[in-house]
Amino acid sequence: AIIKPFKLDEVREALSEIGITGLTVA
């Protein structure tokens, strides 16, 4: 996923809520 930088925390929290805990960010 390519997203706007200021949306990172919201996306991480949304993924965490559905049980996805591992991700790589660049």
PDB file of all heavy atoms in Angstrom:
ATOM      1  N   ALA A   1       0.847  -1.188   0.000  1.00  0.00           N
ATOM      2  CA  ALA A   1       0.000   0.000   0.000  1.00  0.00           C
ATOM      3  C   ALA A   1       0.882   1.238   0.000  1.00  0.00           C
ATOM      4  O   ALA A   1       1.807   1.344   0.800  1.00  0.00           O
ATOM      5  CB  ALA A   1      -0.912   0.003   1.220  1.00  0.00           C
ATOM      6  N   ILE A   2       0.587   2.155  -0.902  1.00  0.00           N
ATOM      7  CA  ILE A   2       1.274   3.443  -0.948  1.00  0.00           C
ATOM      8  C   ILE A   2       0.278   4.459  -0.416  1.00  0.00           C
ATOM      9  O   ILE A   2      -0.811   4.629  -0.983  1.00  0.00           O
ATOM     10  CB  ILE A   2       1.684   3.812  -2.393  1.00  0.00           C
ATOM     11  CG1 ILE A   2       2.451   2.681  -3.074  1.00  0.00           C
ATOM     12  CG2 ILE A   2       2.459   5.125  -2.400  1.00  0.00           C
ATOM     13  CD1 ILE A   2       3.782   2.359  -2.470  1.00  0.00           C
ATOM     14  N   ILE A   3       0.629   5.127   0.683  1.00  0.00           N
ATOM     15  CA  ILE A   3      -0.308   6.042   1.336  1.00  0.00           C
ATOM     16  C   ILE A   3       0.368   7.370   1.658  1.00  0.00           C
ATOM     17  O   ILE A   3       1.596   7.493   1.570  1.00  0.00           O
ATOM     18  CB  ILE A   3      -0.880   5.427   2.635  1.00  0.00           C
ATOM     19  CG1 ILE A   3       0.235   5.182   3.659  1.00  0.00           C
ATOM     20  CG2 ILE A   3      -1.640   4.138   2.328  1.00  0.00           C
ATOM     21  CD1 ILE A   3      -0.244   4.822   5.041  1.00  0.00           C
ATOM     22  N   LYS A   4      -0.437   8.336   2.072  1.00  0.00           N
ATOM     23  CA  LYS A   4       0.106   9.616   2.535  1.00  0.00           C
ATOM     24  C   LYS A   4       0.772   9.406   3.886  1.00  0.00           C
ATOM     25  O   LYS A   4       0.269   8.644   4.726  1.00  0.00           O
ATOM     26  CB  LYS A   4      -1.014  10.650   2.642  1.00  0.00           C
ATOM     27  CG  LYS A   4      -1.583  11.046   1.288  1.00  0.00           C
ATOM     28  CD  LYS A   4      -2.629  12.131   1.432  1.00  0.00           C
ATOM     29  CE  LYS A   4      -3.073  12.592   0.049  1.00  0.00           C
ATOM     30  NZ  LYS A   4      -4.009  13.716   0.130  1.00  0.00           N
ATOM     31  N   PRO A   5       1.897  10.075   4.128  1.00  0.00           N
ATOM     32  CA  PRO A   5       2.653   9.846   5.369  1.00  0.00           C
ATOM     33  C   PRO A   5       1.860  10.053   6.657  1.00  0.00           C
ATOM     34  O   PRO A   5       2.001   9.291   7.605  1.00  0.00           O
ATOM     35  CB  PRO A   5       3.813  10.837   5.269  1.00  0.00           C
ATOM     36  CG  PRO A   5       3.996  11.044   3.804  1.00  0.00           C
ATOM     37  CD  PRO A   5       2.622  10.966   3.212  1.00  0.00           C
ATOM     38  N   PHE A   6       0.986  11.049   6.701  1.00  0.00           N
ATOM     39  CA  PHE A   6       0.279  11.337   7.946  1.00  0.00           C
ATOM     40  C   PHE A   6      -0.822  10.324   8.251  1.00  0.00           C
ATOM     41  O   PHE A   6      -1.411  10.346   9.332  1.00  0.00           O
ATOM     42  CB  PHE A   6      -0.288  12.767   7.937  1.00  0.00           C
ATOM     43  CG  PHE A   6      -1.349  13.017   6.908  1.00  0.00           C
ATOM     44  CD1 PHE A   6      -2.683  12.793   7.208  1.00  0.00           C
ATOM     45  CD2 PHE A   6      -1.028  13.481   5.647  1.00  0.00           C
ATOM     46  CE1 PHE A   6      -3.677  13.028   6.271  1.00  0.00           C
ATOM     47  CE2 PHE A   6      -1.997  13.721   4.696  1.00  0.00           C
ATOM     48  CZ  PHE A   6      -3.330  13.494   5.012  1.00  0.00           C
ATOM     49  N   LYS A   7      -1.078   9.387   7.347  1.00  0.00           N
ATOM     50  CA  LYS A   7      -2.089   8.355   7.564  1.00  0.00           C
ATOM     51  C   LYS A   7      -1.507   7.051   8.109  1.00  0.00           C
ATOM     52  O   LYS A   7      -2.238   6.105   8.373  1.00  0.00           O
ATOM     53  CB  LYS A   7      -2.825   8.069   6.252  1.00  0.00           C
ATOM     54  CG  LYS A   7      -3.784   9.169   5.846  1.00  0.00           C
ATOM     55  CD  LYS A   7      -4.914   9.234   6.835  1.00  0.00           C
ATOM     56  CE  LYS A   7      -6.082  10.047   6.367  1.00  0.00           C
ATOM     57  NZ  LYS A   7      -7.209   9.922   7.288  1.00  0.00           N
ATOM     58  N   LEU A   8      -0.198   6.998   8.295  1.00  0.00           N
ATOM     59  CA  LEU A   8       0.448   5.746   8.712  1.00  0.00           C
ATOM     60  C   LEU A   8      -0.102   5.203  10.025  1.00  0.00           C
ATOM     61  O   LEU A   8      -0.437   4.026  10.125  1.00  0.00           O
ATOM     62  CB  LEU A   8       1.967   5.928   8.817  1.00  0.00           C
ATOM     63  CG  LEU A   8       2.744   4.722   9.342  1.00  0.00           C
ATOM     64  CD1 LEU A   8       2.524   3.498   8.455  1.00  0.00           C
ATOM     65  CD2 LEU A   8       4.219   5.050   9.461  1.00  0.00           C
ATOM     66  N   ASP A   9      -0.193   6.027  11.051  1.00  0.00           N
ATOM     67  CA  ASP A   9      -0.662   5.536  12.354  1.00  0.00           C
ATOM     68  C   ASP A   9      -2.088   5.001  12.273  1.00  0.00           C
ATOM     69  O   ASP A   9      -2.405   3.969  12.869  1.00  0.00           O
ATOM     70  CB  ASP A   9      -0.561   6.631  13.414  1.00  0.00           C
ATOM     71  CG  ASP A   9       0.879   6.891  13.839  1.00  0.00           C
ATOM     72  OD1 ASP A   9       1.711   5.969  13.693  1.00  0.00           O
ATOM     73  OD2 ASP A   9       1.168   8.002  14.315  1.00  0.00           O
ATOM     74  N   GLU A  10      -2.945   5.688  11.533  1.00  0.00           N
ATOM     75  CA  GLU A  10      -4.331   5.228  11.395  1.00  0.00           C
ATOM     76  C   GLU A  10      -4.390   3.874  10.687  1.00  0.00           C
ATOM     77  O   GLU A  10      -5.156   2.994  11.082  1.00  0.00           O
ATOM     78  CB  GLU A  10      -5.153   6.250  10.629  1.00  0.00           C
ATOM     79  CG  GLU A  10      -5.392   7.543  11.386  1.00  0.00           C
ATOM     80  CD  GLU A  10      -6.137   8.564  10.554  1.00  0.00           C
ATOM     81  OE1 GLU A  10      -7.201   8.221   9.985  1.00  0.00           O
ATOM     82  OE2 GLU A  10      -5.660   9.714  10.471  1.00  0.00           O
ATOM     83  N   VAL A  11      -3.585   3.705   9.645  1.00  0.00           N
ATOM     84  CA  VAL A  11      -3.570   2.444   8.908  1.00  0.00           C
ATOM     85  C   VAL A  11      -3.024   1.329   9.789  1.00  0.00           C
ATOM     86  O   VAL A  11      -3.583   0.229   9.835  1.00  0.00           O
ATOM     87  CB  VAL A  11      -2.767   2.575   7.596  1.00  0.00           C
ATOM     88  CG1 VAL A  11      -2.545   1.218   6.945  1.00  0.00           C
ATOM     89  CG2 VAL A  11      -3.474   3.521   6.638  1.00  0.00           C
ATOM     90  N   ARG A  12      -1.946   1.606  10.512  1.00  0.00           N
ATOM     91  CA  ARG A  12      -1.369   0.596  11.399  1.00  0.00           C
ATOM     92  C   ARG A  12      -2.386   0.146  12.453  1.00  0.00           C
ATOM     93  O   ARG A  12      -2.550  -1.046  12.720  1.00  0.00           O
ATOM     94  CB  ARG A  12      -0.115   1.135  12.082  1.00  0.00           C
ATOM     95  CG  ARG A  12       0.593   0.086  12.953  1.00  0.00           C
ATOM     96  CD  ARG A  12       1.719   0.683  13.772  1.00  0.00           C
ATOM     97  NE  ARG A  12       1.339   1.867  14.515  1.00  0.00           N
ATOM     98  CZ  ARG A  12       0.675   1.857  15.680  1.00  0.00           C
ATOM     99  NH1 ARG A  12       0.296   0.722  16.225  1.00  0.00           N
ATOM    100  NH2 ARG A  12       0.376   2.990  16.279  1.00  0.00           N
ATOM    101  N   GLU A  13      -3.097   1.096  13.034  1.00  0.00           N
ATOM    102  CA  GLU A  13      -4.108   0.762  14.042  1.00  0.00           C
ATOM    103  C   GLU A  13      -5.253  -0.047  13.429  1.00  0.00           C
ATOM    104  O   GLU A  13      -5.736  -1.005  14.043  1.00  0.00           O
ATOM    105  CB  GLU A  13      -4.639   2.035  14.688  1.00  0.00           C
ATOM    106  CG  GLU A  13      -3.629   2.690  15.613  1.00  0.00           C
ATOM    107  CD  GLU A  13      -4.091   4.056  16.116  1.00  0.00           C
ATOM    108  OE1 GLU A  13      -5.291   4.381  15.974  1.00  0.00           O
ATOM    109  OE2 GLU A  13      -3.248   4.796  16.646  1.00  0.00           O
ATOM    110  N   ALA A  14      -5.681   0.323  12.229  1.00  0.00           N
ATOM    111  CA  ALA A  14      -6.763  -0.401  11.568  1.00  0.00           C
ATOM    112  C   ALA A  14      -6.361  -1.849  11.272  1.00  0.00           C
ATOM    113  O   ALA A  14      -7.156  -2.770  11.451  1.00  0.00           O
ATOM    114  CB  ALA A  14      -7.163   0.318  10.282  1.00  0.00           C
ATOM    115  N   LEU A  15      -5.123  -2.039  10.828  1.00  0.00           N
ATOM    116  CA  LEU A  15      -4.638  -3.403  10.565  1.00  0.00           C
ATOM    117  C   LEU A  15      -4.506  -4.195  11.865  1.00  0.00           C
ATOM    118  O   LEU A  15      -4.824  -5.375  11.910  1.00  0.00           O
ATOM    119  CB  LEU A  15      -3.306  -3.351   9.820  1.00  0.00           C
ATOM    120  CG  LEU A  15      -3.377  -2.872   8.370  1.00  0.00           C
ATOM    121  CD1 LEU A  15      -1.979  -2.633   7.814  1.00  0.00           C
ATOM    122  CD2 LEU A  15      -4.152  -3.853   7.506  1.00  0.00           C
ATOM    123  N   SER A  16      -4.045  -3.542  12.901  1.00  0.00           N
ATOM    124  CA  SER A  16      -3.909  -4.200  14.200  1.00  0.00           C
ATOM    125  C   SER A  16      -5.264  -4.665  14.726  1.00  0.00           C
ATOM    126  O   SER A  16      -5.386  -5.744  15.301  1.00  0.00           O
ATOM    127  CB  SER A  16      -3.245  -3.243  15.187  1.00  0.00           C
ATOM    128  OG  SER A  16      -3.078  -3.861  16.431  1.00  0.00           O
ATOM    129  N   GLU A  17      -6.309  -3.870  14.513  1.00  0.00           N
ATOM    130  CA  GLU A  17      -7.657  -4.211  14.977  1.00  0.00           C
ATOM    131  C   GLU A  17      -8.198  -5.467  14.315  1.00  0.00           C
ATOM    132  O   GLU A  17      -9.008  -6.174  14.904  1.00  0.00           O
ATOM    133  CB  GLU A  17      -8.613  -3.049  14.731  1.00  0.00           C
ATOM    134  CG  GLU A  17      -8.412  -1.895  15.694  1.00  0.00           C
ATOM    135  CD  GLU A  17      -9.293  -0.698  15.368  1.00  0.00           C
ATOM    136  OE1 GLU A  17     -10.191  -0.820  14.490  1.00  0.00           O
ATOM    137  OE2 GLU A  17      -9.069   0.361  15.968  1.00  0.00           O
ATOM    138  N   ILE A  18      -7.743  -5.767  13.086  1.00  0.00           N
ATOM    139  CA  ILE A  18      -8.227  -6.986  12.422  1.00  0.00           C
ATOM    140  C   ILE A  18      -7.246  -8.141  12.579  1.00  0.00           C
ATOM    141  O   ILE A  18      -7.375  -9.170  11.917  1.00  0.00           O
ATOM    142  CB  ILE A  18      -8.560  -6.737  10.931  1.00  0.00           C
ATOM    143  CG1 ILE A  18      -7.325  -6.330  10.132  1.00  0.00           C
ATOM    144  CG2 ILE A  18      -9.674  -5.720  10.792  1.00  0.00           C
ATOM    145  CD1 ILE A  18      -7.534  -6.367   8.630  1.00  0.00           C
ATOM    146  N   GLY A  19      -6.234  -7.964  13.433  1.00  0.00           N
ATOM    147  CA  GLY A  19      -5.327  -9.061  13.755  1.00  0.00           C
ATOM    148  C   GLY A  19      -4.050  -9.134  12.951  1.00  0.00           C
ATOM    149  O   GLY A  19      -3.316 -10.109  13.047  1.00  0.00           O
ATOM    150  N   ILE A  20      -3.769  -8.122  12.154  1.00  0.00           N
ATOM    151  CA  ILE A  20      -2.522  -8.107  11.393  1.00  0.00           C
ATOM    152  C   ILE A  20      -1.497  -7.323  12.197  1.00  0.00           C
ATOM    153  O   ILE A  20      -1.657  -6.127  12.415  1.00  0.00           O
ATOM    154  CB  ILE A  20      -2.724  -7.494   9.996  1.00  0.00           C
ATOM    155  CG1 ILE A  20      -3.685  -8.383   9.203  1.00  0.00           C
ATOM    156  CG2 ILE A  20      -1.393  -7.332   9.274  1.00  0.00           C
ATOM    157  CD1 ILE A  20      -4.118  -7.817   7.884  1.00  0.00           C
ATOM    158  N   THR A  21      -0.465  -8.012  12.647  1.00  0.00           N
ATOM    159  CA  THR A  21       0.498  -7.378  13.545  1.00  0.00           C
ATOM    160  C   THR A  21       1.835  -7.099  12.892  1.00  0.00           C
ATOM    161  O   THR A  21       2.574  -6.245  13.350  1.00  0.00           O
ATOM    162  CB  THR A  21       0.737  -8.259  14.788  1.00  0.00           C
ATOM    163  OG1 THR A  21       1.137  -9.562  14.352  1.00  0.00           O
ATOM    164  CG2 THR A  21      -0.533  -8.376  15.616  1.00  0.00           C
ATOM    165  N   GLY A  22       2.179  -7.815  11.840  1.00  0.00           N
ATOM    166  CA  GLY A  22       3.483  -7.627  11.212  1.00  0.00           C
ATOM    167  C   GLY A  22       3.377  -6.820   9.935  1.00  0.00           C
ATOM    168  O   GLY A  22       2.540  -7.099   9.085  1.00  0.00           O
ATOM    169  N   LEU A  23       4.194  -5.793   9.836  1.00  0.00           N
ATOM    170  CA  LEU A  23       4.233  -5.020   8.607  1.00  0.00           C
ATOM    171  C   LEU A  23       5.590  -4.365   8.454  1.00  0.00           C
ATOM    172  O   LEU A  23       6.328  -4.211   9.415  1.00  0.00           O
ATOM    173  CB  LEU A  23       3.110  -3.974   8.534  1.00  0.00           C
ATOM    174  CG  LEU A  23       2.967  -2.964   9.662  1.00  0.00           C
ATOM    175  CD1 LEU A  23       3.756  -1.709   9.372  1.00  0.00           C
ATOM    176  CD2 LEU A  23       1.498  -2.601   9.793  1.00  0.00           C
ATOM    177  N   THR A  24       5.912  -4.018   7.230  1.00  0.00           N
ATOM    178  CA  THR A  24       7.156  -3.315   6.927  1.00  0.00           C
ATOM    179  C   THR A  24       6.785  -1.968   6.337  1.00  0.00           C
ATOM    180  O   THR A  24       5.883  -1.876   5.506  1.00  0.00           O
ATOM    181  CB  THR A  24       7.992  -4.116   5.910  1.00  0.00           C
ATOM    182  OG1 THR A  24       8.259  -5.413   6.450  1.00  0.00           O
ATOM    183  CG2 THR A  24       9.301  -3.409   5.617  1.00  0.00           C
ATOM    184  N   VAL A  25       7.482  -0.929   6.779  1.00  0.00           N
ATOM    185  CA  VAL A  25       7.190   0.424   6.330  1.00  0.00           C
ATOM    186  C   VAL A  25       8.456   1.042   5.746  1.00  0.00           C
ATOM    187  O   VAL A  25       9.540   0.884   6.302  1.00  0.00           O
ATOM    188  CB  VAL A  25       6.694   1.288   7.511  1.00  0.00           C
ATOM    189  CG1 VAL A  25       6.485   2.729   7.082  1.00  0.00           C
ATOM    190  CG2 VAL A  25       5.421   0.714   8.092  1.00  0.00           C
ATOM    191  N   ALA A  26       8.296   1.735   4.626  1.00  0.00           N
ATOM    192  CA  ALA A  26       9.428   2.434   4.007  1.00  0.00           C
ATOM    193  C   ALA A  26       8.956   3.812   3.547  1.00  0.00           C
ATOM    194  O   ALA A  26       7.821   3.966   3.090  1.00  0.00           O
ATOM    195  CB  ALA A  26       9.966   1.645   2.815  1.00  0.00           C
TER     196      ALA A  26
END
